[in-house]
C-alpha atoms as a PDB file:
ATOM      1  CA  MET A   1      58.734  33.687  11.358  1.00  0.00           C
ATOM      2  CA  ARG A   2      57.801  30.009  11.071  1.00  0.00           C
ATOM      3  CA  ALA A   3      56.611  27.965  14.029  1.00  0.00           C
ATOM      4  CA  MET A   4      55.342  24.425  14.561  1.00  0.00           C
ATOM      5  CA  THR A   5      52.441  24.986  16.944  1.00  0.00           C
ATOM      6  CA  LEU A   6      50.413  22.637  19.150  1.00  0.00           C
ATOM      7  CA  HIS A   7      46.794  23.828  19.350  1.00  0.00           C
ATOM      8  CA  ARG A   8      45.319  20.745  20.980  1.00  0.00           C
ATOM      9  CA  THR A   9      47.044  17.805  22.663  1.00  0.00           C
ATOM     10  CA  ARG A  10      47.060  14.459  20.819  1.00  0.00           C
ATOM     11  CA  THR A  11      46.895  16.282  17.467  1.00  0.00           C
ATOM     12  CA  PRO A  12      49.704  17.064  14.995  1.00  0.00           C
ATOM     13  CA  LEU A  13      51.640  20.301  15.190  1.00  0.00           C
ATOM     14  CA  ILE A  14      50.632  22.925  12.619  1.00  0.00           C
ATOM     15  CA  CYS A  15      53.208  24.929  10.645  1.00  0.00           C
ATOM     16  CA  GLU A  16      52.330  28.613  10.978  1.00  0.00           C
ATOM     17  CA  GLU A  17      53.644  31.989   9.887  1.00  0.00           C
ATOM     18  CA  ARG A  18      53.780  34.371  12.845  1.00  0.00           C
ATOM     19  CA  PRO A  19      54.859  37.993  13.324  1.00  0.00           C
ATOM     20  CA  LEU A  20      58.442  38.346  14.511  1.00  0.00           C
ATOM     21  CA  PRO A  21      58.194  38.805  18.317  1.00  0.00           C
ATOM     22  CA  SER A  22      59.969  41.573  20.220  1.00  0.00           C
ATOM     23  CA  PRO A  23      61.762  40.876  23.509  1.00  0.00           C
ATOM     24  CA  ALA A  24      60.367  42.492  26.638  1.00  0.00           C
ATOM     25  CA  THR A  25      62.464  43.827  29.522  1.00  0.00           C
ATOM     26  CA  TYR A  26      65.214  41.355  30.522  1.00  0.00           C
ATOM     27  CA  GLU A  27      64.411  39.147  27.516  1.00  0.00           C
ATOM     28  CA  ILE A  28      66.303  38.288  24.351  1.00  0.00           C
ATOM     29  CA  ARG A  29      65.215  37.170  20.915  1.00  0.00           C
ATOM     30  CA  VAL A  30      67.171  34.252  19.495  1.00  0.00           C
ATOM     31  CA  ALA A  31      67.425  33.147  15.865  1.00  0.00           C
ATOM     32  CA  VAL A  32      67.176  29.364  16.207  1.00  0.00           C
ATOM     33  CA  GLU A  33      69.962  27.344  14.579  1.00  0.00           C
ATOM     34  CA  ALA A  34      68.839  23.963  15.925  1.00  0.00           C
ATOM     35  CA  CYS A  35      66.396  22.514  18.444  1.00  0.00           C
ATOM     36  CA  ALA A  36      66.609  18.917  19.619  1.00  0.00           C
ATOM     37  CA  VAL A  37      63.451  16.892  20.180  1.00  0.00           C
ATOM     38  CA  CYS A  38      63.047  15.591  23.719  1.00  0.00           C
ATOM     39  CA  ARG A  39      60.766  12.917  25.160  1.00  0.00           C
ATOM     40  CA  THR A  40      59.270  15.721  27.279  1.00  0.00           C
ATOM     41  CA  ASP A  41      58.095  17.371  24.042  1.00  0.00           C
ATOM     42  CA  LEU A  42      56.366  14.093  23.271  1.00  0.00           C
ATOM     43  CA  HIS A  43      54.716  14.104  26.707  1.00  0.00           C
ATOM     44  CA  VAL A  44      53.461  17.670  26.059  1.00  0.00           C
ATOM     45  CA  VAL A  45      52.094  16.809  22.614  1.00  0.00           C
ATOM     46  CA  ASP A  46      50.553  13.507  23.762  1.00  0.00           C
ATOM     47  CA  GLY A  47      48.815  15.119  26.740  1.00  0.00           C
ATOM     48  CA  ASP A  48      50.781  13.256  29.416  1.00  0.00           C
ATOM     49  CA  LEU A  49      51.694  16.547  31.125  1.00  0.00           C
ATOM     50  CA  PRO A  50      48.772  18.607  32.458  1.00  0.00           C
ATOM     51  CA  ASN A  51      47.805  22.150  31.532  1.00  0.00           C
ATOM     52  CA  PRO A  52      50.203  23.198  28.775  1.00  0.00           C
ATOM     53  CA  LYS A  53      49.764  26.799  27.675  1.00  0.00           C
ATOM     54  CA  LEU A  54      47.868  26.303  24.430  1.00  0.00           C
ATOM     55  CA  PRO A  55      48.563  27.130  21.719  1.00  0.00           C
ATOM     56  CA  ILE A  56      52.217  26.371  22.435  1.00  0.00           C
ATOM     57  CA  VAL A  57      55.379  26.008  20.363  1.00  0.00           C
ATOM     58  CA  PRO A  58      57.247  23.007  21.838  1.00  0.00           C
ATOM     59  CA  GLY A  59      61.009  22.609  22.060  1.00  0.00           C
ATOM     60  CA  HIS A  60      63.486  23.287  24.856  1.00  0.00           C
ATOM     61  CA  GLU A  61      66.881  22.125  23.615  1.00  0.00           C
ATOM     62  CA  ILE A  62      67.599  25.283  21.663  1.00  0.00           C
ATOM     63  CA  VAL A  63      70.827  26.608  20.181  1.00  0.00           C
ATOM     64  CA  GLY A  64      70.837  29.923  18.362  1.00  0.00           C
ATOM     65  CA  ARG A  65      72.206  33.432  18.004  1.00  0.00           C
ATOM     66  CA  VAL A  66      71.033  36.453  19.992  1.00  0.00           C
ATOM     67  CA  ASP A  67      69.137  38.568  17.502  1.00  0.00           C
ATOM     68  CA  ALA A  68      67.638  41.324  19.685  1.00  0.00           C
ATOM     69  CA  LEU A  69      68.011  42.574  23.265  1.00  0.00           C
ATOM     70  CA  GLY A  70      65.222  43.739  25.533  1.00  0.00           C
ATOM     71  CA  ALA A  71      65.624  46.636  27.933  1.00  0.00           C
ATOM     72  CA  GLY A  72      67.871  45.931  30.917  1.00  0.00           C
ATOM     73  CA  VAL A  73      69.766  42.989  29.366  1.00  0.00           C
ATOM     74  CA  THR A  74      73.444  43.290  30.262  1.00  0.00           C
ATOM     75  CA  ASN A  75      74.640  39.674  30.292  1.00  0.00           C
ATOM     76  CA  ARG A  76      74.162  38.889  26.583  1.00  0.00           C
ATOM     77  CA  VAL A  77      75.368  40.540  23.356  1.00  0.00           C
ATOM     78  CA  LEU A  78      74.049  40.565  19.800  1.00  0.00           C
ATOM     79  CA  GLY A  79      75.331  37.702  17.682  1.00  0.00           C
ATOM     80  CA  GLU A  80      76.343  35.584  20.674  1.00  0.00           C
ATOM     81  CA  ARG A  81      75.476  31.890  20.518  1.00  0.00           C
ATOM     82  CA  VAL A  82      73.337  30.738  23.438  1.00  0.00           C
ATOM     83  CA  GLY A  83      71.521  27.636  24.618  1.00  0.00           C
ATOM     84  CA  ILE A  84      67.995  27.742  26.020  1.00  0.00           C
ATOM     85  CA  PRO A  85      66.854  24.843  28.253  1.00  0.00           C
ATOM     86  CA  TRP A  86      63.593  23.575  29.782  1.00  0.00           C
ATOM     87  CA  LEU A  87      63.702  25.863  32.827  1.00  0.00           C
ATOM     88  CA  GLY A  88      62.770  29.218  31.335  1.00  0.00           C
ATOM     89  CA  HIS A  89      62.134  31.406  34.408  1.00  0.00           C
ATOM     90  CA  THR A  90      61.738  31.185  38.184  1.00  0.00           C
ATOM     91  CA  CYS A  91      60.216  33.603  40.654  1.00  0.00           C
ATOM     92  CA  GLY A  92      63.350  34.032  42.793  1.00  0.00           C
ATOM     93  CA  ARG A  93      61.203  34.554  45.893  1.00  0.00           C
ATOM     94  CA  CYS A  94      59.681  31.245  46.991  1.00  0.00           C
ATOM     95  CA  SER A  95      61.337  29.058  49.612  1.00  0.00           C
ATOM     96  CA  TYR A  96      62.769  26.747  46.958  1.00  0.00           C
ATOM     97  CA  CYS A  97      64.374  29.556  44.978  1.00  0.00           C
ATOM     98  CA  VAL A  98      65.964  31.220  47.987  1.00  0.00           C
ATOM     99  CA  SER A  99      67.313  27.887  49.279  1.00  0.00           C
ATOM    100  CA  GLY A 100      69.092  26.993  46.036  1.00  0.00           C
ATOM    101  CA  HIS A 101      66.406  24.635  44.699  1.00  0.00           C
ATOM    102  CA  GLU A 102      65.050  26.777  41.864  1.00  0.00           C
ATOM    103  CA  ASN A 103      64.265  23.586  39.937  1.00  0.00           C
ATOM    104  CA  LEU A 104      61.336  23.204  42.370  1.00  0.00           C
ATOM    105  CA  CYS A 105      60.151  26.828  42.088  1.00  0.00           C
ATOM    106  CA  ASP A 106      56.496  27.358  42.938  1.00  0.00           C
ATOM    107  CA  HIS A 107      55.976  29.770  40.025  1.00  0.00           C
ATOM    108  CA  PRO A 108      58.211  28.651  37.146  1.00  0.00           C
ATOM    109  CA  LEU A 109      57.959  28.972  33.382  1.00  0.00           C
ATOM    110  CA  PHE A 110      59.059  26.078  31.195  1.00  0.00           C
ATOM    111  CA  THR A 111      60.279  26.478  27.639  1.00  0.00           C
ATOM    112  CA  GLY A 112      57.998  24.723  25.180  1.00  0.00           C
ATOM    113  CA  TYR A 113      55.355  24.046  27.835  1.00  0.00           C
ATOM    114  CA  THR A 114      54.263  27.280  29.500  1.00  0.00           C
ATOM    115  CA  ARG A 115      56.194  29.639  27.211  1.00  0.00           C
ATOM    116  CA  ASP A 116      56.879  29.190  23.509  1.00  0.00           C
ATOM    117  CA  GLY A 117      59.890  27.102  22.622  1.00  0.00           C
ATOM    118  CA  GLY A 118      62.294  26.345  19.826  1.00  0.00           C
ATOM    119  CA  PHE A 119      60.278  24.468  17.185  1.00  0.00           C
ATOM    120  CA  ALA A 120      60.430  27.776  15.330  1.00  0.00           C
ATOM    121  CA  SER A 121      62.794  30.064  13.473  1.00  0.00           C
ATOM    122  CA  TYR A 122      62.907  32.548  16.392  1.00  0.00           C
ATOM    123  CA  VAL A 123      62.258  32.286  20.125  1.00  0.00           C
ATOM    124  CA  ILE A 124      61.993  34.726  23.029  1.00  0.00           C
ATOM    125  CA  ALA A 125      63.854  33.797  26.213  1.00  0.00           C
ATOM    126  CA  ASP A 126      64.605  35.221  29.652  1.00  0.00           C
ATOM    127  CA  ALA A 127      68.206  36.413  29.331  1.00  0.00           C
ATOM    128  CA  ALA A 128      69.060  35.034  32.784  1.00  0.00           C
ATOM    129  CA  TYR A 129      68.127  31.503  31.630  1.00  0.00           C
ATOM    130  CA  ALA A 130      70.157  31.461  28.417  1.00  0.00           C
ATOM    131  CA  PHE A 131      73.666  30.024  28.526  1.00  0.00           C
ATOM    132  CA  GLU A 132      76.764  30.764  26.498  1.00  0.00           C
ATOM    133  CA  MET A 133      77.530  28.022  23.980  1.00  0.00           C
ATOM    134  CA  PRO A 134      80.718  27.373  21.965  1.00  0.00           C
ATOM    135  CA  ASP A 135      80.849  29.803  19.069  1.00  0.00           C
ATOM    136  CA  ASP A 136      82.639  27.360  16.786  1.00  0.00           C
ATOM    137  CA  GLY A 137      80.591  24.253  17.654  1.00  0.00           C
ATOM    138  CA  ASP A 138      78.048  22.498  15.476  1.00  0.00           C
ATOM    139  CA  PRO A 139      74.626  23.693  16.693  1.00  0.00           C
ATOM    140  CA  ILE A 140      73.021  20.367  15.710  1.00  0.00           C
ATOM    141  CA  ALA A 141      75.498  18.450  17.863  1.00  0.00           C
ATOM    142  CA  LEU A 142      75.191  20.944  20.733  1.00  0.00           C
ATOM    143  CA  ALA A 143      71.383  21.043  20.953  1.00  0.00           C
ATOM    144  CA  PRO A 144      70.874  17.694  22.786  1.00  0.00           C
ATOM    145  CA  LEU A 145      73.143  18.904  25.589  1.00  0.00           C
ATOM    146  CA  LEU A 146      70.444  21.382  26.647  1.00  0.00           C
ATOM    147  CA  CYS A 147      68.141  18.714  28.143  1.00  0.00           C
ATOM    148  CA  ALA A 148      69.284  15.181  27.398  1.00  0.00           C
ATOM    149  CA  GLY A 149      72.655  16.287  28.709  1.00  0.00           C
ATOM    150  CA  LEU A 150      71.438  18.452  31.567  1.00  0.00           C
ATOM    151  CA  ILE A 151      68.822  16.112  33.025  1.00  0.00           C
ATOM    152  CA  GLY A 152      71.198  13.209  32.479  1.00  0.00           C
ATOM    153  CA  TRP A 153      73.864  15.066  34.442  1.00  0.00           C
ATOM    154  CA  ARG A 154      71.474  15.874  37.285  1.00  0.00           C
ATOM    155  CA  SER A 155      70.395  12.222  37.380  1.00  0.00           C
ATOM    156  CA  LEU A 156      73.997  11.042  37.499  1.00  0.00           C
ATOM    157  CA  VAL A 157      74.798  13.400  40.369  1.00  0.00           C
ATOM    158  CA  ALA A 158      71.724  12.100  42.225  1.00  0.00           C
ATOM    159  CA  ALA A 159      72.910   8.521  41.632  1.00  0.00           C
ATOM    160  CA  GLY A 160      76.002   9.184  43.740  1.00  0.00           C
ATOM    161  CA  PRO A 161      79.645   8.237  43.242  1.00  0.00           C
ATOM    162  CA  GLY A 162      79.194   4.502  42.610  1.00  0.00           C
ATOM    163  CA  GLU A 163      81.347   2.736  40.053  1.00  0.00           C
ATOM    164  CA  ARG A 164      78.733   0.466  38.412  1.00  0.00           C
ATOM    165  CA  ILE A 165      75.879   2.457  36.880  1.00  0.00           C
ATOM    166  CA  GLY A 166      72.845   0.856  35.262  1.00  0.00           C
ATOM    167  CA  ILE A 167      70.942   2.866  32.648  1.00  0.00           C
ATOM    168  CA  PHE A 168      67.402   1.786  31.746  1.00  0.00           C
ATOM    169  CA  GLY A 169      66.232   3.213  28.422  1.00  0.00           C
ATOM    170  CA  PHE A 170      69.077   3.930  26.035  1.00  0.00           C
ATOM    171  CA  GLY A 171      68.026   7.112  24.246  1.00  0.00           C
ATOM    172  CA  ALA A 172      69.379  10.630  23.944  1.00  0.00           C
ATOM    173  CA  ALA A 173      70.095  11.197  27.647  1.00  0.00           C
ATOM    174  CA  ALA A 174      71.638   7.760  28.112  1.00  0.00           C
ATOM    175  CA  HIS A 175      74.079   8.099  25.243  1.00  0.00           C
ATOM    176  CA  ILE A 176      75.394  11.335  26.752  1.00  0.00           C
ATOM    177  CA  VAL A 177      75.490  10.078  30.359  1.00  0.00           C
ATOM    178  CA  THR A 178      77.392   6.990  29.245  1.00  0.00           C
ATOM    179  CA  GLN A 179      80.176   9.173  27.899  1.00  0.00           C
ATOM    180  CA  VAL A 180      80.319  11.171  31.126  1.00  0.00           C
ATOM    181  CA  CYS A 181      80.514   7.951  33.153  1.00  0.00           C
ATOM    182  CA  LEU A 182      83.409   6.629  31.071  1.00  0.00           C
ATOM    183  CA  TRP A 183      85.240   9.944  31.416  1.00  0.00           C
ATOM    184  CA  GLN A 184      84.789   9.633  35.191  1.00  0.00           C
ATOM    185  CA  GLY A 185      86.104   6.056  35.183  1.00  0.00           C
ATOM    186  CA  ARG A 186      82.777   4.334  35.852  1.00  0.00           C
ATOM    187  CA  HIS A 187      81.275   1.213  34.257  1.00  0.00           C
ATOM    188  CA  VAL A 188      77.938   1.414  32.428  1.00  0.00           C
ATOM    189  CA  PHE A 189      75.380  -1.394  32.185  1.00  0.00           C
ATOM    190  CA  ALA A 190      72.752  -0.605  29.539  1.00  0.00           C
ATOM    191  CA  PHE A 191      69.182  -1.944  29.650  1.00  0.00           C
ATOM    192  CA  THR A 192      66.961  -1.619  26.571  1.00  0.00           C
ATOM    193  CA  ARG A 193      63.689  -3.048  25.324  1.00  0.00           C
ATOM    194  CA  PRO A 194      64.171  -6.827  25.298  1.00  0.00           C
ATOM    195  CA  ASP A 195      64.282  -7.062  21.498  1.00  0.00           C
ATOM    196  CA  ASP A 196      66.190  -3.835  20.800  1.00  0.00           C
ATOM    197  CA  VAL A 197      69.468  -5.311  19.588  1.00  0.00           C
ATOM    198  CA  ALA A 198      70.376  -2.101  17.731  1.00  0.00           C
ATOM    199  CA  SER A 199      70.310  -0.007  20.915  1.00  0.00           C
ATOM    200  CA  GLN A 200      72.292  -2.651  22.767  1.00  0.00           C
ATOM    201  CA  ASP A 201      74.941  -2.575  20.037  1.00  0.00           C
ATOM    202  CA  PHE A 202      74.891   1.236  20.177  1.00  0.00           C
ATOM    203  CA  ALA A 203      75.473   1.163  23.948  1.00  0.00           C
ATOM    204  CA  ARG A 204      78.416  -1.208  23.549  1.00  0.00           C
ATOM    205  CA  SER A 205      79.869   0.997  20.815  1.00  0.00           C
ATOM    206  CA  LEU A 206      79.913   3.876  23.300  1.00  0.00           C
ATOM    207  CA  GLY A 207      81.755   1.769  25.877  1.00  0.00           C
ATOM    208  CA  ALA A 208      79.064   0.067  27.968  1.00  0.00           C
ATOM    209  CA  VAL A 209      80.595  -3.015  29.593  1.00  0.00           C
ATOM    210  CA  TRP A 210      77.284  -4.881  29.285  1.00  0.00           C
ATOM    211  CA  ALA A 211      74.049  -4.348  27.371  1.00  0.00           C
ATOM    212  CA  GLY A 212      70.912  -6.424  27.453  1.00  0.00           C
ATOM    213  CA  GLY A 213      67.144  -6.375  27.697  1.00  0.00           C
ATOM    214  CA  SER A 214      65.347  -4.848  30.661  1.00  0.00           C
ATOM    215  CA  ASP A 215      64.086  -8.352  31.437  1.00  0.00           C
ATOM    216  CA  GLN A 216      67.639  -9.555  32.091  1.00  0.00           C
ATOM    217  CA  GLU A 217      69.763  -9.338  35.222  1.00  0.00           C
ATOM    218  CA  PRO A 218      73.181  -7.675  34.966  1.00  0.00           C
ATOM    219  CA  PRO A 219      76.257  -9.867  35.498  1.00  0.00           C
ATOM    220  CA  GLU A 220      77.018  -8.067  38.781  1.00  0.00           C
ATOM    221  CA  ARG A 221      75.214  -5.908  41.312  1.00  0.00           C
ATOM    222  CA  LEU A 222      74.922  -2.220  40.450  1.00  0.00           C
ATOM    223  CA  ASP A 223      75.849   0.664  42.724  1.00  0.00           C
ATOM    224  CA  ALA A 224      73.034   2.757  41.214  1.00  0.00           C
ATOM    225  CA  ALA A 225      70.536   2.717  38.381  1.00  0.00           C
ATOM    226  CA  ILE A 226      69.074   5.576  36.356  1.00  0.00           C
ATOM    227  CA  ILE A 227      65.731   5.074  34.619  1.00  0.00           C
ATOM    228  CA  PHE A 228      65.148   7.263  31.564  1.00  0.00           C
ATOM    229  CA  ALA A 229      62.393   5.121  30.009  1.00  0.00           C
ATOM    230  CA  PRO A 230      58.939   6.332  31.171  1.00  0.00           C
ATOM    231  CA  VAL A 231      58.002   2.837  32.352  1.00  0.00           C
ATOM    232  CA  GLY A 232      57.055   2.343  36.008  1.00  0.00           C
ATOM    233  CA  ASP A 233      57.527  -1.432  35.731  1.00  0.00           C
ATOM    234  CA  LEU A 234      61.279  -0.807  35.532  1.00  0.00           C
ATOM    235  CA  VAL A 235      61.481   0.539  39.107  1.00  0.00           C
ATOM    236  CA  PRO A 236      61.219  -2.826  40.913  1.00  0.00           C
ATOM    237  CA  GLN A 237      63.490  -4.382  38.268  1.00  0.00           C
ATOM    238  CA  ALA A 238      66.106  -1.717  38.928  1.00  0.00           C
ATOM    239  CA  LEU A 239      65.761  -2.177  42.691  1.00  0.00           C
ATOM    240  CA  GLN A 240      66.432  -5.862  42.241  1.00  0.00           C
ATOM    241  CA  ALA A 241      69.594  -5.061  40.272  1.00  0.00           C
ATOM    242  CA  VAL A 242      71.223  -2.650  42.767  1.00  0.00           C
ATOM    243  CA  ARG A 243      73.283  -3.623  45.782  1.00  0.00           C
ATOM    244  CA  LYS A 244      72.528  -2.835  49.426  1.00  0.00           C
ATOM    245  CA  SER A 245      72.177   0.952  49.898  1.00  0.00           C
ATOM    246  CA  GLY A 246      71.993   1.341  46.108  1.00  0.00           C
ATOM    247  CA  ARG A 247      69.982   4.124  44.526  1.00  0.00           C
ATOM    248  CA  VAL A 248      67.397   4.038  41.763  1.00  0.00           C
ATOM    249  CA  VAL A 249      66.978   7.449  40.119  1.00  0.00           C
ATOM    250  CA  CYS A 250      63.897   8.185  38.009  1.00  0.00           C
ATOM    251  CA  GLY A 251      65.088  10.715  35.452  1.00  0.00           C
ATOM    252  CA  GLY A 252      61.907  11.465  33.511  1.00  0.00           C
ATOM    253  CA  ILE A 253      59.237  14.103  33.977  1.00  0.00           C
ATOM    254  CA  HIS A 254      56.513  11.508  33.362  1.00  0.00           C
ATOM    255  CA  MET A 255      56.330   7.784  34.085  1.00  0.00           C
ATOM    256  CA  SER A 256      53.611   5.164  34.046  1.00  0.00           C
ATOM    257  CA  ASP A 257      52.453   3.929  37.451  1.00  0.00           C
ATOM    258  CA  ILE A 258      54.963   2.007  39.533  1.00  0.00           C
ATOM    259  CA  PRO A 259      53.522  -1.445  40.295  1.00  0.00           C
ATOM    260  CA  GLN A 260      53.272  -2.938  43.758  1.00  0.00           C
ATOM    261  CA  PHE A 261      56.461  -4.739  44.755  1.00  0.00           C
ATOM    262  CA  PRO A 262      57.679  -6.654  47.832  1.00  0.00           C
ATOM    263  CA  TYR A 263      59.348  -4.662  50.563  1.00  0.00           C
ATOM    264  CA  ARG A 264      62.424  -6.889  50.402  1.00  0.00           C
ATOM    265  CA  LEU A 265      63.429  -5.104  47.169  1.00  0.00           C
ATOM    266  CA  LEU A 266      63.624  -1.781  49.025  1.00  0.00           C
ATOM    267  CA  TRP A 267      65.016  -3.116  52.269  1.00  0.00           C
ATOM    268  CA  GLU A 268      68.733  -2.903  53.120  1.00  0.00           C
ATOM    269  CA  GLU A 269      68.599   0.866  52.676  1.00  0.00           C
ATOM    270  CA  ARG A 270      68.007   0.956  48.956  1.00  0.00           C
ATOM    271  CA  GLN A 271      66.530   4.247  47.774  1.00  0.00           C
ATOM    272  CA  ILE A 272      64.164   5.455  45.054  1.00  0.00           C
ATOM    273  CA  LEU A 273      64.366   9.120  44.133  1.00  0.00           C
ATOM    274  CA  SER A 274      63.396  11.393  41.262  1.00  0.00           C
ATOM    275  CA  VAL A 275      64.978  14.400  39.652  1.00  0.00           C
ATOM    276  CA  ALA A 276      62.869  17.372  38.626  1.00  0.00           C
ATOM    277  CA  ASN A 277      63.788  19.958  36.018  1.00  0.00           C
ATOM    278  CA  LEU A 278      67.243  21.496  36.495  1.00  0.00           C
ATOM    279  CA  THR A 279      68.969  24.492  38.018  1.00  0.00           C
ATOM    280  CA  ARG A 280      71.115  27.078  36.302  1.00  0.00           C
ATOM    281  CA  GLN A 281      74.042  25.712  38.288  1.00  0.00           C
ATOM    282  CA  ASP A 282      73.403  22.298  36.717  1.00  0.00           C
ATOM    283  CA  ALA A 283      73.769  23.961  33.317  1.00  0.00           C
ATOM    284  CA  ARG A 284      76.945  25.780  34.251  1.00  0.00           C
ATOM    285  CA  ASP A 285      78.480  22.615  35.711  1.00  0.00           C
ATOM    286  CA  PHE A 286      77.585  20.305  32.834  1.00  0.00           C
ATOM    287  CA  LEU A 287      78.349  22.716  30.000  1.00  0.00           C
ATOM    288  CA  SER A 288      81.840  23.227  31.464  1.00  0.00           C
ATOM    289  CA  ILE A 289      82.353  19.453  31.709  1.00  0.00           C
ATOM    290  CA  ALA A 290      81.067  18.535  28.221  1.00  0.00           C
ATOM    291  CA  PRO A 291      84.091  19.794  26.244  1.00  0.00           C
ATOM    292  CA  ARG A 292      86.578  18.365  28.760  1.00  0.00           C
ATOM    293  CA  ALA A 293      84.864  14.974  28.564  1.00  0.00           C
ATOM    294  CA  GLN A 294      84.762  15.319  24.760  1.00  0.00           C
ATOM    295  CA  ILE A 295      81.064  14.538  24.700  1.00  0.00           C
ATOM    296  CA  GLY A 296      79.793  13.733  21.228  1.00  0.00           C
ATOM    297  CA  THR A 297      76.149  13.397  20.275  1.00  0.00           C
ATOM    298  CA  GLN A 298      74.581  11.140  17.681  1.00  0.00           C
ATOM    299  CA  THR A 299      71.837  13.045  15.915  1.00  0.00           C
ATOM    300  CA  THR A 300      69.306  12.669  13.135  1.00  0.00           C
ATOM    301  CA  ARG A 301      68.516  15.935  11.384  1.00  0.00           C
ATOM    302  CA  TYR A 302      64.975  16.938  10.357  1.00  0.00           C
ATOM    303  CA  PRO A 303      63.743  20.153   8.733  1.00  0.00           C
ATOM    304  CA  LEU A 304      61.527  22.235  11.001  1.00  0.00           C
ATOM    305  CA  GLU A 305      58.419  21.338   9.001  1.00  0.00           C
ATOM    306  CA  ALA A 306      59.057  17.642   9.702  1.00  0.00           C
ATOM    307  CA  ALA A 307      58.621  18.050  13.483  1.00  0.00           C
ATOM    308  CA  ASN A 308      55.665  15.642  13.475  1.00  0.00           C
ATOM    309  CA  VAL A 309      57.803  12.996  11.751  1.00  0.00           C
ATOM    310  CA  ALA A 310      60.570  13.466  14.326  1.00  0.00           C
ATOM    311  CA  LEU A 311      58.058  13.105  17.164  1.00  0.00           C
ATOM    312  CA  ALA A 312      56.615   9.960  15.582  1.00  0.00           C
ATOM    313  CA  ASP A 313      60.084   8.448  15.204  1.00  0.00           C
ATOM    314  CA  LEU A 314      60.824   9.192  18.846  1.00  0.00           C
ATOM    315  CA  ARG A 315      57.469   7.761  19.934  1.00  0.00           C
ATOM    316  CA  SER A 316      58.079   4.523  18.050  1.00  0.00           C
ATOM    317  CA  GLY A 317      61.583   4.047  19.487  1.00  0.00           C
ATOM    318  CA  HIS A 318      63.216   4.101  16.052  1.00  0.00           C
ATOM    319  CA  LEU A 319      65.832   6.719  16.951  1.00  0.00           C
ATOM    320  CA  GLN A 320      69.335   6.233  18.236  1.00  0.00           C
ATOM    321  CA  GLY A 321      70.674   9.344  19.903  1.00  0.00           C
ATOM    322  CA  ALA A 322      68.631  12.507  19.366  1.00  0.00           C
ATOM    323  CA  ALA A 323      66.381  14.018  16.712  1.00  0.00           C
ATOM    324  CA  VAL A 324      67.210  17.641  15.914  1.00  0.00           C
ATOM    325  CA  LEU A 325      65.056  20.159  14.042  1.00  0.00           C
ATOM    326  CA  VAL A 326      66.787  22.737  11.844  1.00  0.00           C
ATOM    327  CA  PRO A 327      64.791  25.790  10.670  1.00  0.00           C
END
């Protein structure tokens, strides 16, 4: 099998030939059809996230077909199409797991970070953390749903039921969340890099009622804001844009330091909160909603061997929608 492997952070991935792995008990082997490239993969490669399991194959927005079953697997069948997300395994025993917060598990495994991921032709996954995907769907279009969609959904739920939603950083997650918001009857206000006219036009094309630079104020107060860009400076700007009791949700796994800001921005019961990882219930909820909301994804396709090019394009901000690797 082929795999794009990270041996040392801040260095390019290396294309390798590896022996075909065999699934252990309760695991499955999946023939990868497509794997989207997430900003979290960039954080792993660039060394922003501590202690990756090196060498590691990145990638956690995986769509593929079950190719082999390990002992004890009863919930999956050969040939079935599945999706494999960031959360790859939890202990099931810690206080977070038993209280329904497995996204905060004390002993988790993460796909593409602490267990090999989908920048490869095959991947091993815990069968309990693989989800049924539409058999007749386009795997390239489906792949971004497995993280951009899932973490976007969790962020939107955390934002609450407000009507006016601000989105800071209009990438893969934002373009999916915008469609969910419109399906729910909400209004989206998109904030991009100040000079990123293309992303502003893209946001408007998806139905955003307003799009502008992150240095601009929206035409009306927001009920909530979601920050997908890994830029701590955006937190006080978002606080200034939301109404009394409004929420600012930080949707990324990594963010630069939040600068000091005056208390008046937080006062009047405004809130700052983060989302971490996802739960299997998040996946079940969102993947059932996606076809009803007719979620479409804008993707740019890359061959597996061009993973470093896809990462560079994501790093430079030259992508609209999501990059997807195809073995």
